[in-house]
Full PDB file with SEQRES, HELIX, SHEET, SSBOND, CRYST1, ORIGX, SCALE, CONECT and MASTER records, all heavy atoms in Angstrom:
SEQRES   1 A   36  ASP ARG LEU LEU ALA SER GLY SER VAL THR GLY ALA ALA          
SEQRES   2 A   36  ARG LEU LEU HIS VAL THR GLN PRO ALA MET SER ARG THR          
SEQRES   3 A   36  LEU ALA ARG LEU ARG GLU VAL LEU LEU ASP                      
HELIX    1 AA1 ARG A    2  SER A    6  1                                   5    
HELIX    2 AA2 VAL A    9  LEU A   16  1                                   8    
HELIX    3 AA3 GLN A   20  VAL A   33  1                                  14    
CRYST1    1.000    1.000    1.000  90.00  90.00  90.00 P 1           1          
ORIGX1      1.000000  0.000000  0.000000        0.00000                         
ORIGX2      0.000000  1.000000  0.000000        0.00000                         
ORIGX3      0.000000  0.000000  1.000000        0.00000                         
SCALE1      1.000000  0.000000  0.000000        0.00000                         
SCALE2      0.000000  1.000000  0.000000        0.00000                         
SCALE3      0.000000  0.000000  1.000000        0.00000                         
ATOM      1  N   ASP A   1      -3.822  -6.793   0.198  1.00  0.00           N  
ATOM      2  CA  ASP A   1      -3.912  -7.781   1.341  1.00  0.00           C  
ATOM      3  C   ASP A   1      -2.964  -7.201   2.575  1.00  0.00           C  
ATOM      4  O   ASP A   1      -3.337  -7.240   3.618  1.00  0.00           O  
ATOM      5  CB  ASP A   1      -3.410  -9.186   0.804  1.00  0.00           C  
ATOM      6  CG  ASP A   1      -3.545 -10.264   1.948  1.00  0.00           C  
ATOM      7  OD1 ASP A   1      -4.559 -10.431   2.380  1.00  0.00           O  
ATOM      8  OD2 ASP A   1      -2.425 -10.735   2.365  1.00  0.00           O  
ATOM      9  N   ARG A   2      -1.778  -6.725   2.232  1.00  0.00           N  
ATOM     10  CA  ARG A   2      -0.791  -6.340   3.216  1.00  0.00           C  
ATOM     11  C   ARG A   2      -1.308  -4.893   3.907  1.00  0.00           C  
ATOM     12  O   ARG A   2      -1.165  -4.736   5.068  1.00  0.00           O  
ATOM     13  CB  ARG A   2       0.626  -6.170   2.679  1.00  0.00           C  
ATOM     14  CG  ARG A   2       1.287  -7.385   2.307  1.00  0.00           C  
ATOM     15  CD  ARG A   2       1.061  -8.610   3.191  1.00  0.00           C  
ATOM     16  NE  ARG A   2       1.756  -9.735   2.689  1.00  0.00           N  
ATOM     17  CZ  ARG A   2       1.425 -10.619   1.808  1.00  0.00           C  
ATOM     18  NH1 ARG A   2       0.273 -10.496   1.225  1.00  0.00           N  
ATOM     19  NH2 ARG A   2       2.200 -11.653   1.438  1.00  0.00           N  
ATOM     20  N   LEU A   3      -1.946  -4.171   3.017  1.00  0.00           N  
ATOM     21  CA  LEU A   3      -2.510  -2.971   3.565  1.00  0.00           C  
ATOM     22  C   LEU A   3      -3.631  -3.192   4.485  1.00  0.00           C  
ATOM     23  O   LEU A   3      -3.864  -2.608   5.689  1.00  0.00           O  
ATOM     24  CB  LEU A   3      -3.006  -1.970   2.466  1.00  0.00           C  
ATOM     25  CG  LEU A   3      -1.915  -1.212   1.618  1.00  0.00           C  
ATOM     26  CD1 LEU A   3      -2.544  -0.738   0.335  1.00  0.00           C  
ATOM     27  CD2 LEU A   3      -1.468  -0.084   2.545  1.00  0.00           C  
ATOM     28  N   LEU A   4      -4.512  -4.243   4.173  1.00  0.00           N  
ATOM     29  CA  LEU A   4      -5.648  -4.553   5.043  1.00  0.00           C  
ATOM     30  C   LEU A   4      -5.099  -5.286   6.367  1.00  0.00           C  
ATOM     31  O   LEU A   4      -5.700  -4.963   7.437  1.00  0.00           O  
ATOM     32  CB  LEU A   4      -6.522  -5.519   4.254  1.00  0.00           C  
ATOM     33  CG  LEU A   4      -7.371  -4.865   3.229  1.00  0.00           C  
ATOM     34  CD1 LEU A   4      -7.990  -5.903   2.263  1.00  0.00           C  
ATOM     35  CD2 LEU A   4      -8.473  -3.974   3.906  1.00  0.00           C  
ATOM     36  N   ALA A   5      -4.089  -5.961   6.243  1.00  0.00           N  
ATOM     37  CA  ALA A   5      -3.464  -6.683   7.331  1.00  0.00           C  
ATOM     38  C   ALA A   5      -2.849  -5.671   8.298  1.00  0.00           C  
ATOM     39  O   ALA A   5      -2.912  -5.800   9.587  1.00  0.00           O  
ATOM     40  CB  ALA A   5      -2.490  -7.733   6.929  1.00  0.00           C  
ATOM     41  N   SER A   6      -2.014  -4.672   7.741  1.00  0.00           N  
ATOM     42  CA  SER A   6      -1.335  -3.802   8.674  1.00  0.00           C  
ATOM     43  C   SER A   6      -2.136  -2.554   9.117  1.00  0.00           C  
ATOM     44  O   SER A   6      -1.806  -1.942  10.171  1.00  0.00           O  
ATOM     45  CB  SER A   6      -0.084  -3.417   7.949  1.00  0.00           C  
ATOM     46  OG  SER A   6      -0.282  -2.542   6.922  1.00  0.00           O  
ATOM     47  N   GLY A   7      -2.987  -2.138   8.238  1.00  0.00           N  
ATOM     48  CA  GLY A   7      -3.674  -0.967   8.437  1.00  0.00           C  
ATOM     49  C   GLY A   7      -2.973   0.330   8.311  1.00  0.00           C  
ATOM     50  O   GLY A   7      -3.319   1.424   8.705  1.00  0.00           O  
ATOM     51  N   SER A   8      -1.742   0.192   7.627  1.00  0.00           N  
ATOM     52  CA  SER A   8      -0.952   1.309   7.516  1.00  0.00           C  
ATOM     53  C   SER A   8      -0.021   1.221   6.287  1.00  0.00           C  
ATOM     54  O   SER A   8       0.399   0.105   5.852  1.00  0.00           O  
ATOM     55  CB  SER A   8      -0.026   1.644   8.718  1.00  0.00           C  
ATOM     56  OG  SER A   8       1.261   1.221   8.586  1.00  0.00           O  
ATOM     57  N   VAL A   9       0.242   2.444   5.549  1.00  0.00           N  
ATOM     58  CA  VAL A   9       0.958   2.342   4.416  1.00  0.00           C  
ATOM     59  C   VAL A   9       2.507   1.914   4.870  1.00  0.00           C  
ATOM     60  O   VAL A   9       3.121   1.130   4.112  1.00  0.00           O  
ATOM     61  CB  VAL A   9       1.009   3.651   3.666  1.00  0.00           C  
ATOM     62  CG1 VAL A   9       2.060   3.737   2.642  1.00  0.00           C  
ATOM     63  CG2 VAL A   9      -0.442   4.039   3.140  1.00  0.00           C  
ATOM     64  N   THR A  10       2.903   2.496   5.915  1.00  0.00           N  
ATOM     65  CA  THR A  10       4.317   2.216   6.306  1.00  0.00           C  
ATOM     66  C   THR A  10       4.415   0.689   6.769  1.00  0.00           C  
ATOM     67  O   THR A  10       5.411   0.083   6.389  1.00  0.00           O  
ATOM     68  CB  THR A  10       4.728   3.131   7.448  1.00  0.00           C  
ATOM     69  OG1 THR A  10       4.613   4.566   7.024  1.00  0.00           O  
ATOM     70  CG2 THR A  10       6.017   2.799   8.025  1.00  0.00           C  
ATOM     71  N   GLY A  11       3.503   0.241   7.471  1.00  0.00           N  
ATOM     72  CA  GLY A  11       3.383  -1.249   7.852  1.00  0.00           C  
ATOM     73  C   GLY A  11       3.441  -2.160   6.694  1.00  0.00           C  
ATOM     74  O   GLY A  11       4.209  -3.182   6.615  1.00  0.00           O  
ATOM     75  N   ALA A  12       2.618  -1.824   5.726  1.00  0.00           N  
ATOM     76  CA  ALA A  12       2.526  -2.645   4.393  1.00  0.00           C  
ATOM     77  C   ALA A  12       3.875  -2.600   3.685  1.00  0.00           C  
ATOM     78  O   ALA A  12       4.326  -3.632   3.076  1.00  0.00           O  
ATOM     79  CB  ALA A  12       1.376  -2.264   3.612  1.00  0.00           C  
ATOM     80  N   ALA A  13       4.423  -1.488   3.665  1.00  0.00           N  
ATOM     81  CA  ALA A  13       5.740  -1.226   2.947  1.00  0.00           C  
ATOM     82  C   ALA A  13       6.814  -2.156   3.658  1.00  0.00           C  
ATOM     83  O   ALA A  13       7.516  -2.796   2.941  1.00  0.00           O  
ATOM     84  CB  ALA A  13       6.144   0.229   3.029  1.00  0.00           C  
ATOM     85  N   ARG A  14       6.758  -2.211   4.919  1.00  0.00           N  
ATOM     86  CA  ARG A  14       7.716  -2.985   5.662  1.00  0.00           C  
ATOM     87  C   ARG A  14       7.499  -4.529   5.328  1.00  0.00           C  
ATOM     88  O   ARG A  14       8.385  -5.282   5.086  1.00  0.00           O  
ATOM     89  CB  ARG A  14       7.600  -2.794   7.237  1.00  0.00           C  
ATOM     90  CG  ARG A  14       8.401  -1.606   7.603  1.00  0.00           C  
ATOM     91  CD  ARG A  14       8.424  -1.552   9.220  1.00  0.00           C  
ATOM     92  NE  ARG A  14       8.593  -0.297   9.704  1.00  0.00           N  
ATOM     93  CZ  ARG A  14       7.691   0.493  10.440  1.00  0.00           C  
ATOM     94  NH1 ARG A  14       6.683  -0.298  10.935  1.00  0.00           N  
ATOM     95  NH2 ARG A  14       7.895   1.592  10.665  1.00  0.00           N  
ATOM     96  N   LEU A  15       6.244  -4.989   5.380  1.00  0.00           N  
ATOM     97  CA  LEU A  15       5.868  -6.306   5.117  1.00  0.00           C  
ATOM     98  C   LEU A  15       6.287  -6.710   3.721  1.00  0.00           C  
ATOM     99  O   LEU A  15       6.807  -7.837   3.446  1.00  0.00           O  
ATOM    100  CB  LEU A  15       4.462  -6.530   5.206  1.00  0.00           C  
ATOM    101  CG  LEU A  15       3.853  -6.484   6.648  1.00  0.00           C  
ATOM    102  CD1 LEU A  15       2.347  -6.464   6.633  1.00  0.00           C  
ATOM    103  CD2 LEU A  15       4.438  -7.603   7.475  1.00  0.00           C  
ATOM    104  N   LEU A  16       6.337  -5.755   2.673  1.00  0.00           N  
ATOM    105  CA  LEU A  16       6.626  -6.063   1.320  1.00  0.00           C  
ATOM    106  C   LEU A  16       8.027  -5.688   0.936  1.00  0.00           C  
ATOM    107  O   LEU A  16       8.449  -5.830  -0.212  1.00  0.00           O  
ATOM    108  CB  LEU A  16       5.678  -5.385   0.351  1.00  0.00           C  
ATOM    109  CG  LEU A  16       4.252  -5.906   0.390  1.00  0.00           C  
ATOM    110  CD1 LEU A  16       3.290  -5.061  -0.392  1.00  0.00           C  
ATOM    111  CD2 LEU A  16       4.172  -7.380  -0.038  1.00  0.00           C  
ATOM    112  N   HIS A  17       8.779  -5.163   1.914  1.00  0.00           N  
ATOM    113  CA  HIS A  17      10.188  -4.709   1.712  1.00  0.00           C  
ATOM    114  C   HIS A  17      10.331  -3.698   0.544  1.00  0.00           C  
ATOM    115  O   HIS A  17      11.203  -3.852  -0.272  1.00  0.00           O  
ATOM    116  CB  HIS A  17      10.998  -6.051   1.444  1.00  0.00           C  
ATOM    117  CG  HIS A  17      10.934  -6.928   2.481  1.00  0.00           C  
ATOM    118  ND1 HIS A  17      11.470  -6.910   3.744  1.00  0.00           N  
ATOM    119  CD2 HIS A  17      10.344  -8.249   2.492  1.00  0.00           C  
ATOM    120  CE1 HIS A  17      11.227  -7.995   4.408  1.00  0.00           C  
ATOM    121  NE2 HIS A  17      10.481  -8.794   3.730  1.00  0.00           N  
ATOM    122  N   VAL A  18       9.500  -2.660   0.564  1.00  0.00           N  
ATOM    123  CA  VAL A  18       9.444  -1.498  -0.323  1.00  0.00           C  
ATOM    124  C   VAL A  18       9.471  -0.332   0.507  1.00  0.00           C  
ATOM    125  O   VAL A  18       9.179  -0.308   1.705  1.00  0.00           O  
ATOM    126  CB  VAL A  18       8.273  -1.561  -1.317  1.00  0.00           C  
ATOM    127  CG1 VAL A  18       8.243  -2.819  -2.139  1.00  0.00           C  
ATOM    128  CG2 VAL A  18       6.976  -1.271  -0.614  1.00  0.00           C  
ATOM    129  N   THR A  19       9.693   0.745  -0.121  1.00  0.00           N  
ATOM    130  CA  THR A  19       9.740   2.129   0.598  1.00  0.00           C  
ATOM    131  C   THR A  19       8.289   2.492   0.880  1.00  0.00           C  
ATOM    132  O   THR A  19       7.405   2.211   0.117  1.00  0.00           O  
ATOM    133  CB  THR A  19      10.510   3.190  -0.137  1.00  0.00           C  
ATOM    134  OG1 THR A  19       9.817   3.378  -1.449  1.00  0.00           O  
ATOM    135  CG2 THR A  19      11.941   2.757  -0.384  1.00  0.00           C  
ATOM    136  N   GLN A  20       8.109   3.431   1.775  1.00  0.00           N  
ATOM    137  CA  GLN A  20       6.790   4.006   2.114  1.00  0.00           C  
ATOM    138  C   GLN A  20       6.304   4.762   0.825  1.00  0.00           C  
ATOM    139  O   GLN A  20       5.141   4.607   0.489  1.00  0.00           O  
ATOM    140  CB  GLN A  20       6.841   4.947   3.257  1.00  0.00           C  
ATOM    141  CG  GLN A  20       5.514   5.379   3.743  1.00  0.00           C  
ATOM    142  CD  GLN A  20       5.103   6.685   3.029  1.00  0.00           C  
ATOM    143  OE1 GLN A  20       5.850   7.476   2.552  1.00  0.00           O  
ATOM    144  NE2 GLN A  20       3.724   6.933   2.949  1.00  0.00           N  
ATOM    145  N   PRO A  21       7.129   5.536   0.098  1.00  0.00           N  
ATOM    146  CA  PRO A  21       6.640   6.260  -1.067  1.00  0.00           C  
ATOM    147  C   PRO A  21       6.161   5.247  -2.114  1.00  0.00           C  
ATOM    148  O   PRO A  21       5.220   5.483  -2.871  1.00  0.00           O  
ATOM    149  CB  PRO A  21       7.797   7.111  -1.650  1.00  0.00           C  
ATOM    150  CG  PRO A  21       8.521   7.373  -0.262  1.00  0.00           C  
ATOM    151  CD  PRO A  21       8.455   6.040   0.489  1.00  0.00           C  
ATOM    152  N   ALA A  22       6.903   4.109  -2.288  1.00  0.00           N  
ATOM    153  CA  ALA A  22       6.496   3.081  -3.230  1.00  0.00           C  
ATOM    154  C   ALA A  22       5.104   2.576  -2.866  1.00  0.00           C  
ATOM    155  O   ALA A  22       4.284   2.298  -3.802  1.00  0.00           O  
ATOM    156  CB  ALA A  22       7.541   2.024  -3.386  1.00  0.00           C  
ATOM    157  N   MET A  23       4.926   2.325  -1.656  1.00  0.00           N  
ATOM    158  CA  MET A  23       3.606   1.757  -1.198  1.00  0.00           C  
ATOM    159  C   MET A  23       2.530   2.744  -1.393  1.00  0.00           C  
ATOM    160  O   MET A  23       1.375   2.461  -1.730  1.00  0.00           O  
ATOM    161  CB  MET A  23       3.663   1.340   0.224  1.00  0.00           C  
ATOM    162  CG  MET A  23       2.492   0.632   0.807  1.00  0.00           C  
ATOM    163  SD  MET A  23       1.833  -0.777  -0.264  1.00  0.00           S  
ATOM    164  CE  MET A  23       3.014  -1.951  -0.022  1.00  0.00           C  
ATOM    165  N   SER A  24       2.869   4.046  -1.164  1.00  0.00           N  
ATOM    166  CA  SER A  24       1.803   5.107  -1.350  1.00  0.00           C  
ATOM    167  C   SER A  24       1.326   5.178  -2.806  1.00  0.00           C  
ATOM    168  O   SER A  24       0.214   5.364  -3.277  1.00  0.00           O  
ATOM    169  CB  SER A  24       2.314   6.453  -0.979  1.00  0.00           C  
ATOM    170  OG  SER A  24       2.426   6.542   0.452  1.00  0.00           O  
ATOM    171  N   ARG A  25       2.458   4.993  -3.717  1.00  0.00           N  
ATOM    172  CA  ARG A  25       2.051   4.955  -5.266  1.00  0.00           C  
ATOM    173  C   ARG A  25       1.191   3.763  -5.508  1.00  0.00           C  
ATOM    174  O   ARG A  25       0.311   3.760  -6.339  1.00  0.00           O  
ATOM    175  CB  ARG A  25       3.292   4.982  -6.103  1.00  0.00           C  
ATOM    176  CG  ARG A  25       3.968   6.319  -6.024  1.00  0.00           C  
ATOM    177  CD  ARG A  25       5.220   6.440  -7.081  1.00  0.00           C  
ATOM    178  NE  ARG A  25       6.310   5.390  -6.878  1.00  0.00           N  
ATOM    179  CZ  ARG A  25       7.238   5.568  -6.090  1.00  0.00           C  
ATOM    180  NH1 ARG A  25       7.498   6.722  -5.295  1.00  0.00           N  
ATOM    181  NH2 ARG A  25       8.212   4.641  -5.785  1.00  0.00           N  
ATOM    182  N   THR A  26       1.568   2.549  -4.895  1.00  0.00           N  
ATOM    183  CA  THR A  26       0.795   1.379  -5.035  1.00  0.00           C  
ATOM    184  C   THR A  26      -0.608   1.586  -4.733  1.00  0.00           C  
ATOM    185  O   THR A  26      -1.663   1.075  -5.411  1.00  0.00           O  
ATOM    186  CB  THR A  26       1.465   0.161  -4.460  1.00  0.00           C  
ATOM    187  OG1 THR A  26       2.788   0.065  -5.013  1.00  0.00           O  
ATOM    188  CG2 THR A  26       0.630  -1.102  -4.566  1.00  0.00           C  
ATOM    189  N   LEU A  27      -0.911   2.210  -3.473  1.00  0.00           N  
ATOM    190  CA  LEU A  27      -2.218   2.498  -2.986  1.00  0.00           C  
ATOM    191  C   LEU A  27      -2.970   3.420  -4.078  1.00  0.00           C  
ATOM    192  O   LEU A  27      -4.065   3.206  -4.262  1.00  0.00           O  
ATOM    193  CB  LEU A  27      -2.189   3.096  -1.639  1.00  0.00           C  
ATOM    194  CG  LEU A  27      -3.584   3.489  -1.102  1.00  0.00           C  
ATOM    195  CD1 LEU A  27      -4.535   2.287  -1.073  1.00  0.00           C  
ATOM    196  CD2 LEU A  27      -3.309   4.157   0.310  1.00  0.00           C  
ATOM    197  N   ALA A  28      -2.196   4.374  -4.523  1.00  0.00           N  
ATOM    198  CA  ALA A  28      -2.854   5.210  -5.590  1.00  0.00           C  
ATOM    199  C   ALA A  28      -3.322   4.548  -6.821  1.00  0.00           C  
ATOM    200  O   ALA A  28      -4.334   4.705  -7.307  1.00  0.00           O  
ATOM    201  CB  ALA A  28      -1.885   6.400  -5.927  1.00  0.00           C  
ATOM    202  N   ARG A  29      -2.510   3.471  -7.200  1.00  0.00           N  
ATOM    203  CA  ARG A  29      -2.877   2.630  -8.359  1.00  0.00           C  
ATOM    204  C   ARG A  29      -4.072   1.721  -7.960  1.00  0.00           C  
ATOM    205  O   ARG A  29      -4.963   1.591  -8.774  1.00  0.00           O  
ATOM    206  CB  ARG A  29      -1.753   1.722  -8.796  1.00  0.00           C  
ATOM    207  CG  ARG A  29      -0.572   2.470  -9.534  1.00  0.00           C  
ATOM    208  CD  ARG A  29       0.603   1.623  -9.849  1.00  0.00           C  
ATOM    209  NE  ARG A  29       0.337   0.531 -10.559  1.00  0.00           N  
ATOM    210  CZ  ARG A  29       1.020  -0.694 -10.524  1.00  0.00           C  
ATOM    211  NH1 ARG A  29       2.014  -0.823  -9.784  1.00  0.00           N  
ATOM    212  NH2 ARG A  29       0.580  -1.741 -11.301  1.00  0.00           N  
ATOM    213  N   LEU A  30      -4.137   1.336  -6.839  1.00  0.00           N  
ATOM    214  CA  LEU A  30      -5.135   0.422  -6.350  1.00  0.00           C  
ATOM    215  C   LEU A  30      -6.520   1.233  -6.399  1.00  0.00           C  
ATOM    216  O   LEU A  30      -7.564   0.822  -6.781  1.00  0.00           O  
ATOM    217  CB  LEU A  30      -5.035  -0.114  -4.939  1.00  0.00           C  
ATOM    218  CG  LEU A  30      -4.214  -1.405  -4.819  1.00  0.00           C  
ATOM    219  CD1 LEU A  30      -3.642  -1.523  -3.483  1.00  0.00           C  
ATOM    220  CD2 LEU A  30      -5.005  -2.584  -5.264  1.00  0.00           C  
ATOM    221  N   ARG A  31      -6.438   2.371  -5.828  1.00  0.00           N  
ATOM    222  CA  ARG A  31      -7.635   3.372  -5.884  1.00  0.00           C  
ATOM    223  C   ARG A  31      -8.083   3.680  -7.146  1.00  0.00           C  
ATOM    224  O   ARG A  31      -9.263   3.628  -7.364  1.00  0.00           O  
ATOM    225  CB  ARG A  31      -7.237   4.660  -5.193  1.00  0.00           C  
ATOM    226  CG  ARG A  31      -7.072   4.564  -3.631  1.00  0.00           C  
ATOM    227  CD  ARG A  31      -6.434   5.761  -2.959  1.00  0.00           C  
ATOM    228  NE  ARG A  31      -6.641   5.673  -1.609  1.00  0.00           N  
ATOM    229  CZ  ARG A  31      -6.027   6.395  -0.652  1.00  0.00           C  
ATOM    230  NH1 ARG A  31      -5.078   7.263  -1.125  1.00  0.00           N  
ATOM    231  NH2 ARG A  31      -6.187   6.363   0.531  1.00  0.00           N  
ATOM    232  N   GLU A  32      -7.242   3.832  -8.163  1.00  0.00           N  
ATOM    233  CA  GLU A  32      -7.545   4.040  -9.582  1.00  0.00           C  
ATOM    234  C   GLU A  32      -8.256   2.849 -10.290  1.00  0.00           C  
ATOM    235  O   GLU A  32      -9.192   2.911 -10.838  1.00  0.00           O  
ATOM    236  CB  GLU A  32      -6.356   4.476 -10.276  1.00  0.00           C  
ATOM    237  CG  GLU A  32      -6.576   4.922 -11.707  1.00  0.00           C  
ATOM    238  CD  GLU A  32      -5.252   5.351 -12.373  1.00  0.00           C  
ATOM    239  OE1 GLU A  32      -4.625   6.258 -11.843  1.00  0.00           O  
ATOM    240  OE2 GLU A  32      -4.885   4.747 -13.458  1.00  0.00           O  
ATOM    241  N   VAL A  33      -7.663   1.691 -10.052  1.00  0.00           N  
ATOM    242  CA  VAL A  33      -8.201   0.466 -10.611  1.00  0.00           C  
ATOM    243  C   VAL A  33      -9.594   0.085  -9.983  1.00  0.00           C  
ATOM    244  O   VAL A  33     -10.398  -0.276 -10.718  1.00  0.00           O  
ATOM    245  CB  VAL A  33      -7.155  -0.622 -10.374  1.00  0.00           C  
ATOM    246  CG1 VAL A  33      -7.744  -2.028 -10.696  1.00  0.00           C  
ATOM    247  CG2 VAL A  33      -5.908  -0.508 -11.300  1.00  0.00           C  
ATOM    248  N   LEU A  34      -9.562   0.203  -8.669  1.00  0.00           N  
ATOM    249  CA  LEU A  34     -10.824  -0.133  -7.978  1.00  0.00           C  
ATOM    250  C   LEU A  34     -11.889   0.873  -7.817  1.00  0.00           C  
ATOM    251  O   LEU A  34     -12.923   0.605  -7.330  1.00  0.00           O  
ATOM    252  CB  LEU A  34     -10.421  -0.902  -6.621  1.00  0.00           C  
ATOM    253  CG  LEU A  34      -9.531  -2.110  -6.711  1.00  0.00           C  
ATOM    254  CD1 LEU A  34      -9.124  -2.534  -5.407  1.00  0.00           C  
ATOM    255  CD2 LEU A  34     -10.287  -3.219  -7.440  1.00  0.00           C  
ATOM    256  N   LEU A  35     -11.639   1.993  -8.336  1.00  0.00           N  
ATOM    257  CA  LEU A  35     -12.488   3.129  -8.242  1.00  0.00           C  
ATOM    258  C   LEU A  35     -13.123   3.472  -6.852  1.00  0.00           C  
ATOM    259  O   LEU A  35     -14.301   3.598  -6.693  1.00  0.00           O  
ATOM    260  CB  LEU A  35     -13.657   2.897  -9.214  1.00  0.00           C  
ATOM    261  CG  LEU A  35     -13.257   2.570 -10.703  1.00  0.00           C  
ATOM    262  CD1 LEU A  35     -14.396   2.174 -11.405  1.00  0.00           C  
ATOM    263  CD2 LEU A  35     -12.491   3.670 -11.230  1.00  0.00           C  
ATOM    264  N   ASP A  36     -12.197   3.341  -5.869  1.00  0.00           N  
ATOM    265  CA  ASP A  36     -12.624   3.603  -4.508  1.00  0.00           C  
ATOM    266  C   ASP A  36     -11.437   4.068  -3.668  1.00  0.00           C  
ATOM    267  O   ASP A  36     -10.372   3.718  -4.011  1.00  0.00           O  
ATOM    268  CB  ASP A  36     -13.066   2.159  -3.933  1.00  0.00           C  
ATOM    269  CG  ASP A  36     -13.707   2.327  -2.564  1.00  0.00           C  
ATOM    270  OD1 ASP A  36     -14.917   2.763  -2.415  1.00  0.00           O  
ATOM    271  OD2 ASP A  36     -13.014   2.285  -1.457  1.00  0.00           O  
TER     272      ASP A  36                                                      
MASTER        0    0    0    3    0    0    0    6  271    1    0    3          
END                                                                             
């Protein structure tokens, strides 16, 4: 939801108060789970 709202990994990381590398890992997990 935050990635879609911000359009950026860094922006989503800021919104969720996590680091950019942590958000990048989360995006990788999402890609794996959603097969896209």
